[in-house]
PDB file of all heavy atoms in Angstrom:
ATOM      1  N   SER A   1     -75.697  31.090   1.532  1.00  0.00           N
ATOM      2  CA  SER A   1     -75.375  32.259   2.131  1.00  0.00           C
ATOM      3  C   SER A   1     -76.605  33.101   2.361  1.00  0.00           C
ATOM      4  O   SER A   1     -77.545  33.110   1.442  1.00  0.00           O
ATOM      5  CB  SER A   1     -74.428  33.128   1.303  1.00  0.00           C
ATOM      6  OG  SER A   1     -74.344  34.453   1.818  1.00  0.00           O
ATOM      7  N   PRO A   2     -76.772  33.744   3.545  1.00  0.00           N
ATOM      8  CA  PRO A   2     -78.023  34.664   3.737  1.00  0.00           C
ATOM      9  C   PRO A   2     -78.043  35.765   2.715  1.00  0.00           C
ATOM     10  O   PRO A   2     -79.076  36.492   2.488  1.00  0.00           O
ATOM     11  CB  PRO A   2     -77.795  35.115   5.152  1.00  0.00           C
ATOM     12  CG  PRO A   2     -76.930  34.126   5.832  1.00  0.00           C
ATOM     13  CD  PRO A   2     -75.996  33.566   4.671  1.00  0.00           C
ATOM     14  N   ASP A   3     -76.791  36.053   2.173  1.00  0.00           N
ATOM     15  CA  ASP A   3     -76.723  37.243   1.129  1.00  0.00           C
ATOM     16  C   ASP A   3     -77.212  36.821  -0.176  1.00  0.00           C
ATOM     17  O   ASP A   3     -77.212  37.702  -1.093  1.00  0.00           O
ATOM     18  CB  ASP A   3     -75.256  37.652   1.158  1.00  0.00           C
ATOM     19  CG  ASP A   3     -74.843  38.309   2.395  1.00  0.00           C
ATOM     20  OD1 ASP A   3     -75.727  38.815   3.192  1.00  0.00           O
ATOM     21  OD2 ASP A   3     -73.554  38.269   2.786  1.00  0.00           O
ATOM     22  N   ILE A   4     -77.615  35.687  -0.345  1.00  0.00           N
ATOM     23  CA  ILE A   4     -77.932  35.132  -1.730  1.00  0.00           C
ATOM     24  C   ILE A   4     -79.154  35.781  -2.268  1.00  0.00           C
ATOM     25  O   ILE A   4     -79.422  36.020  -3.479  1.00  0.00           O
ATOM     26  CB  ILE A   4     -78.220  33.543  -1.779  1.00  0.00           C
ATOM     27  CG1 ILE A   4     -78.232  33.018  -3.129  1.00  0.00           C
ATOM     28  CG2 ILE A   4     -79.493  33.226  -0.950  1.00  0.00           C
ATOM     29  CD1 ILE A   4     -78.286  31.480  -3.165  1.00  0.00           C
ATOM     30  N   ALA A   5     -80.049  36.324  -1.371  1.00  0.00           N
ATOM     31  CA  ALA A   5     -81.310  36.974  -1.860  1.00  0.00           C
ATOM     32  C   ALA A   5     -81.029  38.493  -2.080  1.00  0.00           C
ATOM     33  O   ALA A   5     -81.951  39.186  -2.763  1.00  0.00           O
ATOM     34  CB  ALA A   5     -82.399  36.874  -0.749  1.00  0.00           C
ATOM     35  N   ASN A   6     -79.898  39.007  -1.672  1.00  0.00           N
ATOM     36  CA  ASN A   6     -79.702  40.500  -1.857  1.00  0.00           C
ATOM     37  C   ASN A   6     -79.523  40.690  -3.451  1.00  0.00           C
ATOM     38  O   ASN A   6     -78.741  40.115  -4.169  1.00  0.00           O
ATOM     39  CB  ASN A   6     -78.321  40.771  -1.274  1.00  0.00           C
ATOM     40  CG  ASN A   6     -78.406  40.792   0.227  1.00  0.00           C
ATOM     41  OD1 ASN A   6     -79.488  40.630   0.863  1.00  0.00           O
ATOM     42  ND2 ASN A   6     -77.339  40.769   0.900  1.00  0.00           N
ATOM     43  N   GLY A   7     -80.411  41.730  -3.812  1.00  0.00           N
ATOM     44  CA  GLY A   7     -80.347  41.978  -5.317  1.00  0.00           C
ATOM     45  C   GLY A   7     -81.442  41.336  -6.093  1.00  0.00           C
ATOM     46  O   GLY A   7     -81.629  41.657  -7.204  1.00  0.00           O
ATOM     47  N   MET A   8     -82.046  40.307  -5.475  1.00  0.00           N
ATOM     48  CA  MET A   8     -83.106  39.497  -6.185  1.00  0.00           C
ATOM     49  C   MET A   8     -84.262  40.537  -6.447  1.00  0.00           C
ATOM     50  O   MET A   8     -84.733  41.322  -5.514  1.00  0.00           O
ATOM     51  CB  MET A   8     -83.516  38.334  -5.308  1.00  0.00           C
ATOM     52  CG  MET A   8     -84.506  37.556  -5.964  1.00  0.00           C
ATOM     53  SD  MET A   8     -84.946  35.986  -5.116  1.00  0.00           S
ATOM     54  CE  MET A   8     -85.528  36.787  -3.490  1.00  0.00           C
ATOM     55  N   THR A   9     -84.858  40.398  -7.560  1.00  0.00           N
ATOM     56  CA  THR A   9     -85.956  41.433  -7.794  1.00  0.00           C
ATOM     57  C   THR A   9     -87.261  40.694  -8.098  1.00  0.00           C
ATOM     58  O   THR A   9     -87.432  39.452  -8.267  1.00  0.00           O
ATOM     59  CB  THR A   9     -85.616  42.272  -9.110  1.00  0.00           C
ATOM     60  OG1 THR A   9     -85.751  41.264 -10.228  1.00  0.00           O
ATOM     61  CG2 THR A   9     -84.258  42.797  -9.127  1.00  0.00           C
ATOM     62  N   ASP A  10     -88.303  41.489  -8.160  1.00  0.00           N
ATOM     63  CA  ASP A  10     -89.745  40.920  -8.489  1.00  0.00           C
ATOM     64  C   ASP A  10     -89.794  40.451  -9.825  1.00  0.00           C
ATOM     65  O   ASP A  10     -90.880  39.871 -10.223  1.00  0.00           O
ATOM     66  CB  ASP A  10     -90.734  42.080  -8.155  1.00  0.00           C
ATOM     67  CG  ASP A  10     -90.821  42.345  -6.653  1.00  0.00           C
ATOM     68  OD1 ASP A  10     -90.362  41.565  -5.808  1.00  0.00           O
ATOM     69  OD2 ASP A  10     -91.405  43.446  -6.325  1.00  0.00           O
ATOM     70  N   ALA A  11     -88.792  40.712 -10.716  1.00  0.00           N
ATOM     71  CA  ALA A  11     -88.875  40.209 -12.076  1.00  0.00           C
ATOM     72  C   ALA A  11     -88.710  38.682 -12.190  1.00  0.00           C
ATOM     73  O   ALA A  11     -89.252  38.136 -13.100  1.00  0.00           O
ATOM     74  CB  ALA A  11     -87.790  40.738 -12.911  1.00  0.00           C
ATOM     75  N   LEU A  12     -88.208  38.075 -11.033  1.00  0.00           N
ATOM     76  CA  LEU A  12     -88.050  36.686 -11.091  1.00  0.00           C
ATOM     77  C   LEU A  12     -89.367  36.014 -10.823  1.00  0.00           C
ATOM     78  O   LEU A  12     -90.271  36.632 -10.041  1.00  0.00           O
ATOM     79  CB  LEU A  12     -87.104  36.269  -9.912  1.00  0.00           C
ATOM     80  CG  LEU A  12     -85.625  36.375 -10.193  1.00  0.00           C
ATOM     81  CD1 LEU A  12     -84.821  36.059  -8.950  1.00  0.00           C
ATOM     82  CD2 LEU A  12     -85.252  35.410 -11.440  1.00  0.00           C
ATOM     83  N   PRO A  13     -89.734  34.856 -11.364  1.00  0.00           N
ATOM     84  CA  PRO A  13     -90.968  34.179 -11.057  1.00  0.00           C
ATOM     85  C   PRO A  13     -91.088  33.928  -9.496  1.00  0.00           C
ATOM     86  O   PRO A  13     -90.058  33.772  -8.834  1.00  0.00           O
ATOM     87  CB  PRO A  13     -90.782  32.891 -11.748  1.00  0.00           C
ATOM     88  CG  PRO A  13     -89.924  33.174 -12.905  1.00  0.00           C
ATOM     89  CD  PRO A  13     -88.867  34.094 -12.407  1.00  0.00           C
ATOM     90  N   GLU A  14     -92.385  33.930  -9.048  1.00  0.00           N
ATOM     91  CA  GLU A  14     -92.567  33.821  -7.604  1.00  0.00           C
ATOM     92  C   GLU A  14     -91.976  32.660  -6.951  1.00  0.00           C
ATOM     93  O   GLU A  14     -91.472  32.573  -5.938  1.00  0.00           O
ATOM     94  CB  GLU A  14     -94.044  33.999  -7.345  1.00  0.00           C
ATOM     95  CG  GLU A  14     -94.356  34.033  -5.769  1.00  0.00           C
ATOM     96  CD  GLU A  14     -95.904  34.073  -5.520  1.00  0.00           C
ATOM     97  OE1 GLU A  14     -96.647  34.154  -6.521  1.00  0.00           O
ATOM     98  OE2 GLU A  14     -96.254  34.033  -4.384  1.00  0.00           O
ATOM     99  N   PHE A  15     -92.075  31.513  -7.837  1.00  0.00           N
ATOM    100  CA  PHE A  15     -91.691  30.241  -7.206  1.00  0.00           C
ATOM    101  C   PHE A  15     -90.192  30.197  -7.056  1.00  0.00           C
ATOM    102  O   PHE A  15     -89.664  29.601  -6.093  1.00  0.00           O
ATOM    103  CB  PHE A  15     -92.174  29.019  -8.120  1.00  0.00           C
ATOM    104  CG  PHE A  15     -91.568  28.837  -9.376  1.00  0.00           C
ATOM    105  CD1 PHE A  15     -90.272  28.324  -9.625  1.00  0.00           C
ATOM    106  CD2 PHE A  15     -92.167  29.528 -10.461  1.00  0.00           C
ATOM    107  CE1 PHE A  15     -89.729  28.131 -10.968  1.00  0.00           C
ATOM    108  CE2 PHE A  15     -91.664  29.388 -11.752  1.00  0.00           C
ATOM    109  CZ  PHE A  15     -90.520  28.691 -11.964  1.00  0.00           C
ATOM    110  N   ILE A  16     -89.416  30.869  -7.909  1.00  0.00           N
ATOM    111  CA  ILE A  16     -87.947  30.920  -7.642  1.00  0.00           C
ATOM    112  C   ILE A  16     -87.640  31.803  -6.483  1.00  0.00           C
ATOM    113  O   ILE A  16     -86.852  31.449  -5.615  1.00  0.00           O
ATOM    114  CB  ILE A  16     -87.295  31.556  -8.908  1.00  0.00           C
ATOM    115  CG1 ILE A  16     -87.522  30.617 -10.023  1.00  0.00           C
ATOM    116  CG2 ILE A  16     -85.823  31.705  -8.761  1.00  0.00           C
ATOM    117  CD1 ILE A  16     -86.800  31.136 -11.334  1.00  0.00           C
ATOM    118  N   ARG A  17     -88.274  32.959  -6.313  1.00  0.00           N
ATOM    119  CA  ARG A  17     -88.066  33.802  -5.134  1.00  0.00           C
ATOM    120  C   ARG A  17     -88.438  33.027  -3.904  1.00  0.00           C
ATOM    121  O   ARG A  17     -87.666  33.172  -2.875  1.00  0.00           O
ATOM    122  CB  ARG A  17     -89.006  35.089  -5.247  1.00  0.00           C
ATOM    123  CG  ARG A  17     -88.640  36.046  -6.379  1.00  0.00           C
ATOM    124  CD  ARG A  17     -89.161  37.452  -6.111  1.00  0.00           C
ATOM    125  NE  ARG A  17     -90.556  37.363  -5.833  1.00  0.00           N
ATOM    126  CZ  ARG A  17     -91.572  37.480  -6.689  1.00  0.00           C
ATOM    127  NH1 ARG A  17     -91.328  37.455  -7.889  1.00  0.00           N
ATOM    128  NH2 ARG A  17     -92.837  37.497  -6.198  1.00  0.00           N
ATOM    129  N   ASN A  18     -89.520  32.293  -3.888  1.00  0.00           N
ATOM    130  CA  ASN A  18     -89.838  31.501  -2.721  1.00  0.00           C
ATOM    131  C   ASN A  18     -88.791  30.500  -2.432  1.00  0.00           C
ATOM    132  O   ASN A  18     -88.415  30.204  -1.098  1.00  0.00           O
ATOM    133  CB  ASN A  18     -91.291  30.860  -2.895  1.00  0.00           C
ATOM    134  CG  ASN A  18     -92.347  31.863  -2.893  1.00  0.00           C
ATOM    135  OD1 ASN A  18     -92.161  32.993  -2.374  1.00  0.00           O
ATOM    136  ND2 ASN A  18     -93.454  31.416  -3.406  1.00  0.00           N
ATOM    137  N   ARG A  19     -88.176  29.861  -3.342  1.00  0.00           N
ATOM    138  CA  ARG A  19     -87.259  28.837  -3.077  1.00  0.00           C
ATOM    139  C   ARG A  19     -85.924  29.456  -2.593  1.00  0.00           C
ATOM    140  O   ARG A  19     -85.352  28.900  -1.640  1.00  0.00           O
ATOM    141  CB  ARG A  19     -87.041  27.993  -4.262  1.00  0.00           C
ATOM    142  CG  ARG A  19     -88.067  26.953  -4.402  1.00  0.00           C
ATOM    143  CD  ARG A  19     -88.253  26.511  -5.953  1.00  0.00           C
ATOM    144  NE  ARG A  19     -89.334  25.464  -5.949  1.00  0.00           N
ATOM    145  CZ  ARG A  19     -90.564  25.670  -5.746  1.00  0.00           C
ATOM    146  NH1 ARG A  19     -91.100  26.786  -5.451  1.00  0.00           N
ATOM    147  NH2 ARG A  19     -91.493  24.535  -5.827  1.00  0.00           N
ATOM    148  N   ILE A  20     -85.503  30.591  -3.116  1.00  0.00           N
ATOM    149  CA  ILE A  20     -84.244  31.111  -2.591  1.00  0.00           C
ATOM    150  C   ILE A  20     -84.552  31.575  -1.206  1.00  0.00           C
ATOM    151  O   ILE A  20     -83.567  31.547  -0.331  1.00  0.00           O
ATOM    152  CB  ILE A  20     -83.950  32.341  -3.667  1.00  0.00           C
ATOM    153  CG1 ILE A  20     -83.558  31.741  -4.920  1.00  0.00           C
ATOM    154  CG2 ILE A  20     -82.832  33.236  -2.996  1.00  0.00           C
ATOM    155  CD1 ILE A  20     -83.311  32.750  -6.021  1.00  0.00           C
ATOM    156  N   LEU A  21     -85.701  32.252  -0.923  1.00  0.00           N
ATOM    157  CA  LEU A  21     -85.966  32.746   0.409  1.00  0.00           C
ATOM    158  C   LEU A  21     -86.041  31.622   1.375  1.00  0.00           C
ATOM    159  O   LEU A  21     -85.658  31.595   2.434  1.00  0.00           O
ATOM    160  CB  LEU A  21     -87.224  33.525   0.434  1.00  0.00           C
ATOM    161  CG  LEU A  21     -87.160  34.969  -0.255  1.00  0.00           C
ATOM    162  CD1 LEU A  21     -88.531  35.534  -0.334  1.00  0.00           C
ATOM    163  CD2 LEU A  21     -86.193  35.857   0.464  1.00  0.00           C
ATOM    164  N   GLY A  22     -86.584  30.449   0.933  1.00  0.00           N
ATOM    165  CA  GLY A  22     -86.635  29.204   1.779  1.00  0.00           C
ATOM    166  C   GLY A  22     -85.258  28.692   2.014  1.00  0.00           C
ATOM    167  O   GLY A  22     -84.912  28.282   3.181  1.00  0.00           O
ATOM    168  N   GLY A  23     -84.364  29.001   0.985  1.00  0.00           N
ATOM    169  CA  GLY A  23     -82.993  28.503   1.254  1.00  0.00           C
ATOM    170  C   GLY A  23     -82.364  29.316   2.319  1.00  0.00           C
ATOM    171  O   GLY A  23     -81.583  28.808   3.204  1.00  0.00           O
ATOM    172  N   VAL A  24     -82.588  30.652   2.474  1.00  0.00           N
ATOM    173  CA  VAL A  24     -82.094  31.486   3.432  1.00  0.00           C
ATOM    174  C   VAL A  24     -82.600  31.055   4.840  1.00  0.00           C
ATOM    175  O   VAL A  24     -81.830  31.025   5.765  1.00  0.00           O
ATOM    176  CB  VAL A  24     -82.469  32.956   3.110  1.00  0.00           C
ATOM    177  CG1 VAL A  24     -82.189  33.946   4.364  1.00  0.00           C
ATOM    178  CG2 VAL A  24     -81.866  33.509   1.837  1.00  0.00           C
ATOM    179  N   LEU A  25     -83.902  30.768   4.930  1.00  0.00           N
ATOM    180  CA  LEU A  25     -84.485  30.280   6.162  1.00  0.00           C
ATOM    181  C   LEU A  25     -83.830  29.019   6.510  1.00  0.00           C
ATOM    182  O   LEU A  25     -83.457  28.719   7.812  1.00  0.00           O
ATOM    183  CB  LEU A  25     -85.950  30.195   6.045  1.00  0.00           C
ATOM    184  CG  LEU A  25     -86.863  31.352   6.178  1.00  0.00           C
ATOM    185  CD1 LEU A  25     -88.246  31.206   5.634  1.00  0.00           C
ATOM    186  CD2 LEU A  25     -86.768  32.050   7.427  1.00  0.00           C
ATOM    187  N   THR A  26     -83.575  28.077   5.617  1.00  0.00           N
ATOM    188  CA  THR A  26     -82.930  26.835   5.924  1.00  0.00           C
ATOM    189  C   THR A  26     -81.599  27.089   6.506  1.00  0.00           C
ATOM    190  O   THR A  26     -81.235  26.492   7.498  1.00  0.00           O
ATOM    191  CB  THR A  26     -82.861  26.003   4.565  1.00  0.00           C
ATOM    192  OG1 THR A  26     -84.095  25.685   3.994  1.00  0.00           O
ATOM    193  CG2 THR A  26     -82.269  24.647   4.914  1.00  0.00           C
ATOM    194  N   SER A  27     -80.836  27.930   5.885  1.00  0.00           N
ATOM    195  CA  SER A  27     -79.446  28.340   6.369  1.00  0.00           C
ATOM    196  C   SER A  27     -79.629  28.871   7.883  1.00  0.00           C
ATOM    197  O   SER A  27     -78.811  28.580   8.814  1.00  0.00           O
ATOM    198  CB  SER A  27     -78.808  29.309   5.445  1.00  0.00           C
ATOM    199  OG  SER A  27     -77.530  29.633   6.006  1.00  0.00           O
ATOM    200  N   MET A  28     -80.562  29.740   8.103  1.00  0.00           N
ATOM    201  CA  MET A  28     -80.777  30.375   9.477  1.00  0.00           C
ATOM    202  C   MET A  28     -81.092  29.347  10.510  1.00  0.00           C
ATOM    203  O   MET A  28     -80.662  29.490  11.629  1.00  0.00           O
ATOM    204  CB  MET A  28     -81.926  31.406   9.298  1.00  0.00           C
ATOM    205  CG  MET A  28     -81.612  32.688   8.535  1.00  0.00           C
ATOM    206  SD  MET A  28     -82.872  33.780   8.360  1.00  0.00           S
ATOM    207  CE  MET A  28     -83.260  34.111  10.041  1.00  0.00           C
ATOM    208  N   ALA A  29     -81.680  28.230   9.996  1.00  0.00           N
ATOM    209  CA  ALA A  29     -81.993  27.062  11.006  1.00  0.00           C
ATOM    210  C   ALA A  29     -80.759  26.254  11.217  1.00  0.00           C
ATOM    211  O   ALA A  29     -80.823  25.216  12.029  1.00  0.00           O
ATOM    212  CB  ALA A  29     -83.206  26.399  10.474  1.00  0.00           C
ATOM    213  N   GLY A  30     -79.715  26.541  10.534  1.00  0.00           N
ATOM    214  CA  GLY A  30     -78.439  25.781  10.690  1.00  0.00           C
ATOM    215  C   GLY A  30     -78.448  24.496   9.742  1.00  0.00           C
ATOM    216  O   GLY A  30     -77.672  23.501   9.929  1.00  0.00           O
ATOM    217  N   LEU A  31     -79.352  24.432   8.736  1.00  0.00           N
ATOM    218  CA  LEU A  31     -79.434  23.277   7.918  1.00  0.00           C
ATOM    219  C   LEU A  31     -78.829  23.522   6.516  1.00  0.00           C
ATOM    220  O   LEU A  31     -78.892  24.631   6.063  1.00  0.00           O
ATOM    221  CB  LEU A  31     -80.868  22.918   7.754  1.00  0.00           C
ATOM    222  CG  LEU A  31     -81.560  22.153   8.902  1.00  0.00           C
ATOM    223  CD1 LEU A  31     -83.033  22.129   8.663  1.00  0.00           C
ATOM    224  CD2 LEU A  31     -80.996  20.712   8.896  1.00  0.00           C
ATOM    225  N   PRO A  32     -78.234  22.596   5.957  1.00  0.00           N
ATOM    226  CA  PRO A  32     -77.810  22.690   4.538  1.00  0.00           C
ATOM    227  C   PRO A  32     -79.008  22.745   3.545  1.00  0.00           C
ATOM    228  O   PRO A  32     -80.126  22.490   3.993  1.00  0.00           O
ATOM    229  CB  PRO A  32     -76.987  21.405   4.369  1.00  0.00           C
ATOM    230  CG  PRO A  32     -77.562  20.454   5.224  1.00  0.00           C
ATOM    231  CD  PRO A  32     -78.049  21.208   6.473  1.00  0.00           C
ATOM    232  N   PHE A  33     -78.727  23.084   2.416  1.00  0.00           N
ATOM    233  CA  PHE A  33     -79.697  23.415   1.409  1.00  0.00           C
ATOM    234  C   PHE A  33     -80.165  22.136   0.570  1.00  0.00           C
ATOM    235  O   PHE A  33     -81.307  22.102  -0.002  1.00  0.00           O
ATOM    236  CB  PHE A  33     -79.257  24.503   0.484  1.00  0.00           C
ATOM    237  CG  PHE A  33     -80.290  25.107  -0.556  1.00  0.00           C
ATOM    238  CD1 PHE A  33     -81.249  25.858  -0.018  1.00  0.00           C
ATOM    239  CD2 PHE A  33     -80.271  24.822  -1.886  1.00  0.00           C
ATOM    240  CE1 PHE A  33     -82.099  26.451  -0.889  1.00  0.00           C
ATOM    241  CE2 PHE A  33     -81.248  25.413  -2.691  1.00  0.00           C
ATOM    242  CZ  PHE A  33     -82.113  26.237  -2.099  1.00  0.00           C
ATOM    243  N   ASN A  34     -79.180  21.249   0.347  1.00  0.00           N
ATOM    244  CA  ASN A  34     -79.499  20.132  -0.617  1.00  0.00           C
ATOM    245  C   ASN A  34     -79.672  18.867   0.005  1.00  0.00           C
ATOM    246  O   ASN A  34     -78.615  18.185   0.473  1.00  0.00           O
ATOM    247  CB  ASN A  34     -78.240  20.146  -1.630  1.00  0.00           C
ATOM    248  CG  ASN A  34     -78.463  19.091  -2.665  1.00  0.00           C
ATOM    249  OD1 ASN A  34     -79.582  18.523  -2.827  1.00  0.00           O
ATOM    250  ND2 ASN A  34     -77.403  18.728  -3.416  1.00  0.00           N
ATOM    251  N   MET A  35     -80.770  18.388   0.161  1.00  0.00           N
ATOM    252  CA  MET A  35     -81.072  17.082   0.930  1.00  0.00           C
ATOM    253  C   MET A  35     -80.825  15.794   0.007  1.00  0.00           C
ATOM    254  O   MET A  35     -80.909  14.732   0.432  1.00  0.00           O
ATOM    255  CB  MET A  35     -82.465  16.998   1.368  1.00  0.00           C
ATOM    256  CG  MET A  35     -82.698  18.048   2.527  1.00  0.00           C
ATOM    257  SD  MET A  35     -81.809  17.664   4.044  1.00  0.00           S
ATOM    258  CE  MET A  35     -81.422  19.306   4.661  1.00  0.00           C
ATOM    259  N   ASP A  36     -80.564  16.027  -1.294  1.00  0.00           N
ATOM    260  CA  ASP A  36     -80.307  14.883  -2.204  1.00  0.00           C
ATOM    261  C   ASP A  36     -78.847  14.486  -2.266  1.00  0.00           C
ATOM    262  O   ASP A  36     -78.509  13.608  -2.903  1.00  0.00           O
ATOM    263  CB  ASP A  36     -80.758  15.336  -3.669  1.00  0.00           C
ATOM    264  CG  ASP A  36     -80.726  14.072  -4.493  1.00  0.00           C
ATOM    265  OD1 ASP A  36     -81.366  13.067  -4.218  1.00  0.00           O
ATOM    266  OD2 ASP A  36     -80.129  14.221  -5.587  1.00  0.00           O
ATOM    267  N   ALA A  37     -77.979  15.328  -1.489  1.00  0.00           N
ATOM    268  CA  ALA A  37     -76.636  15.017  -1.410  1.00  0.00           C
ATOM    269  C   ALA A  37     -76.280  14.439  -0.069  1.00  0.00           C
ATOM    270  O   ALA A  37     -77.260  13.967   0.645  1.00  0.00           O
ATOM    271  CB  ALA A  37     -75.684  16.282  -1.765  1.00  0.00           C
TER     272      ALA A  37
END
């Protein structure tokens, strides 16, 4: 969901924030998140 990043704070490690934001971009592109399924 694009809303998954809402409420995320800078207290999270940067690599986690990057991955969540990457998931939002993936969804915006019309792609699913999990390429291992």
